[in-house]
Amino acid sequence: MSYFDIMNVAATGMSAQRIRITAISSNLANAQTTKTADGGPYKRQDVVFQTIMDGENAGGVKVKNVINDDKPPILKYEPDHPDADEEGYVAYPNVNPIEEMVNMLEASRSYEANTTVLNTAKQLALKAIEIGKA
């Protein structure tokens, strides 16, 4: 595997984690959104990754799809809320802020690990060039 292949794999990982962080940020920002353009509460988003195959070798990762979580909304009895149904219940998104923060931390650490791989490959390539000059 060449230095450029290593850098490419790390770059695809960084790109995929950036999309995941965006989805998690959207989940956190809309954790209390009871009405969307579709009429119901916000639906939590999740990112599905897919391995990029280069022949028989893994060549990185890509985002296959961003899906909506199909868990039912959380119903709270709030009869004075403008989005309450006829029985007084409001449907809130099934977003757990603690779970989302853990997912954010995991995605952030993965992004950092890919950054480290990218920088290490760059440093190794530069050292190889220095050795070649000698």
C-alpha atoms as a PDB file:
ATOM      1  CA  MET A   1       0.000   0.000   0.000  1.00  0.00           C
ATOM      2  CA  SER A   2       1.477   3.351  -1.025  1.00  0.00           C
ATOM      3  CA  TYR A   3       1.554   6.519   1.044  1.00  0.00           C
ATOM      4  CA  PHE A   4      -1.145   7.967  -1.188  1.00  0.00           C
ATOM      5  CA  ASP A   5      -3.376   4.922  -0.594  1.00  0.00           C
ATOM      6  CA  ILE A   6      -2.945   5.334   3.171  1.00  0.00           C
ATOM      7  CA  MET A   7      -3.757   9.035   2.916  1.00  0.00           C
ATOM      8  CA  ASN A   8      -6.811   8.277   0.788  1.00  0.00           C
ATOM      9  CA  VAL A   9      -8.152   5.728   3.299  1.00  0.00           C
ATOM     10  CA  ALA A  10      -7.681   8.213   6.155  1.00  0.00           C
ATOM     11  CA  ALA A  11      -9.330  10.993   4.136  1.00  0.00           C
ATOM     12  CA  THR A  12     -12.393   8.851   3.410  1.00  0.00           C
ATOM     13  CA  GLY A  13     -12.678   8.073   7.121  1.00  0.00           C
ATOM     14  CA  MET A  14     -12.472  11.768   7.981  1.00  0.00           C
ATOM     15  CA  SER A  15     -15.136  12.617   5.407  1.00  0.00           C
ATOM     16  CA  ALA A  16     -17.494   9.903   6.670  1.00  0.00           C
ATOM     17  CA  GLN A  17     -17.079  10.984  10.296  1.00  0.00           C
ATOM     18  CA  ARG A  18     -17.725  14.610   9.348  1.00  0.00           C
ATOM     19  CA  ILE A  19     -21.080  13.576   7.884  1.00  0.00           C
ATOM     20  CA  ARG A  20     -21.814  11.553  11.025  1.00  0.00           C
ATOM     21  CA  ILE A  21     -20.998  14.549  13.243  1.00  0.00           C
ATOM     22  CA  THR A  22     -23.360  16.690  11.146  1.00  0.00           C
ATOM     23  CA  ALA A  23     -26.192  14.162  11.628  1.00  0.00           C
ATOM     24  CA  ILE A  24     -25.532  13.975  15.382  1.00  0.00           C
ATOM     25  CA  SER A  25     -25.515  17.774  15.601  1.00  0.00           C
ATOM     26  CA  SER A  26     -28.868  17.864  13.834  1.00  0.00           C
ATOM     27  CA  ASN A  27     -30.242  15.300  16.289  1.00  0.00           C
ATOM     28  CA  LEU A  28     -29.112  17.370  19.269  1.00  0.00           C
ATOM     29  CA  ALA A  29     -30.388  20.628  17.797  1.00  0.00           C
ATOM     30  CA  ASN A  30     -33.824  19.133  17.124  1.00  0.00           C
ATOM     31  CA  ALA A  31     -34.236  17.065  20.295  1.00  0.00           C
ATOM     32  CA  GLN A  32     -37.279  19.177  21.282  1.00  0.00           C
ATOM     33  CA  THR A  33     -38.716  19.813  17.806  1.00  0.00           C
ATOM     34  CA  THR A  34     -42.346  18.713  17.922  1.00  0.00           C
ATOM     35  CA  LYS A  35     -43.407  19.842  14.453  1.00  0.00           C
ATOM     36  CA  THR A  36     -41.508  19.596  11.184  1.00  0.00           C
ATOM     37  CA  ALA A  37     -42.478  20.364   7.594  1.00  0.00           C
ATOM     38  CA  ASP A  38     -43.788  16.777   7.396  1.00  0.00           C
ATOM     39  CA  GLY A  39     -46.159  17.550  10.271  1.00  0.00           C
ATOM     40  CA  GLY A  40     -44.810  15.219  12.958  1.00  0.00           C
ATOM     41  CA  PRO A  41     -41.932  15.407  15.396  1.00  0.00           C
ATOM     42  CA  TYR A  42     -38.322  15.411  14.222  1.00  0.00           C
ATOM     43  CA  LYS A  43     -36.984  11.963  13.329  1.00  0.00           C
ATOM     44  CA  ARG A  44     -33.529  11.107  14.623  1.00  0.00           C
ATOM     45  CA  GLN A  45     -30.944  10.568  11.853  1.00  0.00           C
ATOM     46  CA  ASP A  46     -28.364   7.824  11.744  1.00  0.00           C
ATOM     47  CA  VAL A  47     -25.486   7.316   9.301  1.00  0.00           C
ATOM     48  CA  VAL A  48     -24.794   3.961   7.622  1.00  0.00           C
ATOM     49  CA  PHE A  49     -21.209   3.356   6.494  1.00  0.00           C
ATOM     50  CA  GLN A  50     -20.002   1.096   3.698  1.00  0.00           C
ATOM     51  CA  THR A  51     -16.510  -0.230   3.035  1.00  0.00           C
ATOM     52  CA  ILE A  52     -14.948   0.862  -0.239  1.00  0.00           C
ATOM     53  CA  MET A  53     -13.299  -2.191  -1.770  1.00  0.00           C
ATOM     54  CA  ASP A  54     -10.226  -1.836  -3.968  1.00  0.00           C
ATOM     55  CA  GLY A  55      -9.965  -5.303  -5.444  1.00  0.00           C
ATOM     56  CA  GLU A  56      -9.639  -7.596  -2.433  1.00  0.00           C
ATOM     57  CA  ASN A  57      -8.387  -4.826  -0.142  1.00  0.00           C
ATOM     58  CA  ALA A  58     -10.392  -2.292   1.800  1.00  0.00           C
ATOM     59  CA  GLY A  59      -9.852   1.120   0.237  1.00  0.00           C
ATOM     60  CA  GLY A  60     -11.644   3.265   2.789  1.00  0.00           C
ATOM     61  CA  VAL A  61     -15.167   3.987   3.903  1.00  0.00           C
ATOM     62  CA  LYS A  62     -18.076   5.965   2.522  1.00  0.00           C
ATOM     63  CA  VAL A  63     -21.494   6.983   3.741  1.00  0.00           C
ATOM     64  CA  LYS A  64     -23.965   4.557   2.212  1.00  0.00           C
ATOM     65  CA  ASN A  65     -27.051   6.317   3.512  1.00  0.00           C
ATOM     66  CA  VAL A  66     -28.421   8.675   6.136  1.00  0.00           C
ATOM     67  CA  ILE A  67     -31.531   7.038   7.537  1.00  0.00           C
ATOM     68  CA  ASN A  68     -34.320   8.209   9.820  1.00  0.00           C
ATOM     69  CA  ASP A  69     -34.737   6.277  13.057  1.00  0.00           C
ATOM     70  CA  ASP A  70     -38.107   4.532  13.113  1.00  0.00           C
ATOM     71  CA  LYS A  71     -38.505   4.493  16.899  1.00  0.00           C
ATOM     72  CA  PRO A  72     -41.858   5.892  18.019  1.00  0.00           C
ATOM     73  CA  PRO A  73     -41.921   9.415  19.463  1.00  0.00           C
ATOM     74  CA  ILE A  74     -42.026  10.089  23.194  1.00  0.00           C
ATOM     75  CA  LEU A  75     -45.501  11.196  24.274  1.00  0.00           C
ATOM     76  CA  LYS A  76     -45.774  13.747  27.091  1.00  0.00           C
ATOM     77  CA  TYR A  77     -48.967  15.046  28.582  1.00  0.00           C
ATOM     78  CA  GLU A  78     -48.910  18.812  27.988  1.00  0.00           C
ATOM     79  CA  PRO A  79     -52.475  19.925  27.179  1.00  0.00           C
ATOM     80  CA  ASP A  80     -51.483  23.629  26.894  1.00  0.00           C
ATOM     81  CA  HIS A  81     -48.774  22.972  24.274  1.00  0.00           C
ATOM     82  CA  PRO A  82     -49.729  24.243  20.784  1.00  0.00           C
ATOM     83  CA  ASP A  83     -48.785  20.862  19.247  1.00  0.00           C
ATOM     84  CA  ALA A  84     -50.818  18.768  21.705  1.00  0.00           C
ATOM     85  CA  ASP A  85     -53.268  16.284  20.229  1.00  0.00           C
ATOM     86  CA  GLU A  86     -56.944  16.118  21.213  1.00  0.00           C
ATOM     87  CA  GLU A  87     -56.032  14.073  24.299  1.00  0.00           C
ATOM     88  CA  GLY A  88     -53.396  16.606  25.411  1.00  0.00           C
ATOM     89  CA  TYR A  89     -50.292  14.603  24.459  1.00  0.00           C
ATOM     90  CA  VAL A  90     -47.329  16.090  22.599  1.00  0.00           C
ATOM     91  CA  ALA A  91     -45.094  13.841  20.479  1.00  0.00           C
ATOM     92  CA  TYR A  92     -41.401  14.597  21.080  1.00  0.00           C
ATOM     93  CA  PRO A  93     -38.529  13.132  19.040  1.00  0.00           C
ATOM     94  CA  ASN A  94     -36.992   9.964  20.414  1.00  0.00           C
ATOM     95  CA  VAL A  95     -33.575  11.610  20.789  1.00  0.00           C
ATOM     96  CA  ASN A  96     -31.487  10.776  23.836  1.00  0.00           C
ATOM     97  CA  PRO A  97     -29.022  13.677  24.318  1.00  0.00           C
ATOM     98  CA  ILE A  98     -26.637  11.523  26.387  1.00  0.00           C
ATOM     99  CA  GLU A  99     -26.507   8.851  23.693  1.00  0.00           C
ATOM    100  CA  GLU A 100     -25.963  11.522  21.049  1.00  0.00           C
ATOM    101  CA  MET A 101     -23.091  13.057  23.031  1.00  0.00           C
ATOM    102  CA  VAL A 102     -21.439   9.632  23.330  1.00  0.00           C
ATOM    103  CA  ASN A 103     -21.867   9.172  19.557  1.00  0.00           C
ATOM    104  CA  MET A 104     -20.388  12.642  19.005  1.00  0.00           C
ATOM    105  CA  LEU A 105     -17.365  11.791  21.167  1.00  0.00           C
ATOM    106  CA  GLU A 106     -16.852   8.506  19.298  1.00  0.00           C
ATOM    107  CA  ALA A 107     -17.086  10.215  15.894  1.00  0.00           C
ATOM    108  CA  SER A 108     -14.729  12.966  17.036  1.00  0.00           C
ATOM    109  CA  ARG A 109     -12.149  10.438  18.262  1.00  0.00           C
ATOM    110  CA  SER A 110     -12.396   8.511  15.009  1.00  0.00           C
ATOM    111  CA  TYR A 111     -11.878  11.728  13.052  1.00  0.00           C
ATOM    112  CA  GLU A 112      -8.819  12.512  15.199  1.00  0.00           C
ATOM    113  CA  ALA A 113      -7.420   8.998  14.660  1.00  0.00           C
ATOM    114  CA  ASN A 114      -7.753   9.391  10.894  1.00  0.00           C
ATOM    115  CA  THR A 115      -6.047  12.782  11.128  1.00  0.00           C
ATOM    116  CA  THR A 116      -3.161  11.145  12.992  1.00  0.00           C
ATOM    117  CA  VAL A 117      -2.874   8.443  10.309  1.00  0.00           C
ATOM    118  CA  LEU A 118      -2.867  11.091   7.586  1.00  0.00           C
ATOM    119  CA  ASN A 119      -0.178  13.164   9.314  1.00  0.00           C
ATOM    120  CA  THR A 120       1.961  10.086  10.052  1.00  0.00           C
ATOM    121  CA  ALA A 121       1.806   8.953   6.420  1.00  0.00           C
ATOM    122  CA  LYS A 122       2.786  12.458   5.333  1.00  0.00           C
ATOM    123  CA  GLN A 123       5.749  12.486   7.734  1.00  0.00           C
ATOM    124  CA  LEU A 124       6.871   9.032   6.550  1.00  0.00           C
ATOM    125  CA  ALA A 125       6.727  10.166   2.929  1.00  0.00           C
ATOM    126  CA  LEU A 126       8.805  13.234   3.737  1.00  0.00           C
ATOM    127  CA  LYS A 127      11.376  11.120   5.602  1.00  0.00           C
ATOM    128  CA  ALA A 128      11.568   8.733   2.632  1.00  0.00           C
ATOM    129  CA  ILE A 129      12.287  11.692   0.377  1.00  0.00           C
ATOM    130  CA  GLU A 130      15.048  12.876   2.751  1.00  0.00           C
ATOM    131  CA  ILE A 131      16.589   9.403   2.757  1.00  0.00           C
ATOM    132  CA  GLY A 132      16.429   9.337  -1.048  1.00  0.00           C
ATOM    133  CA  LYS A 133      18.357  12.643  -1.210  1.00  0.00           C
ATOM    134  CA  ALA A 134      21.235  11.329   0.892  1.00  0.00           C
END
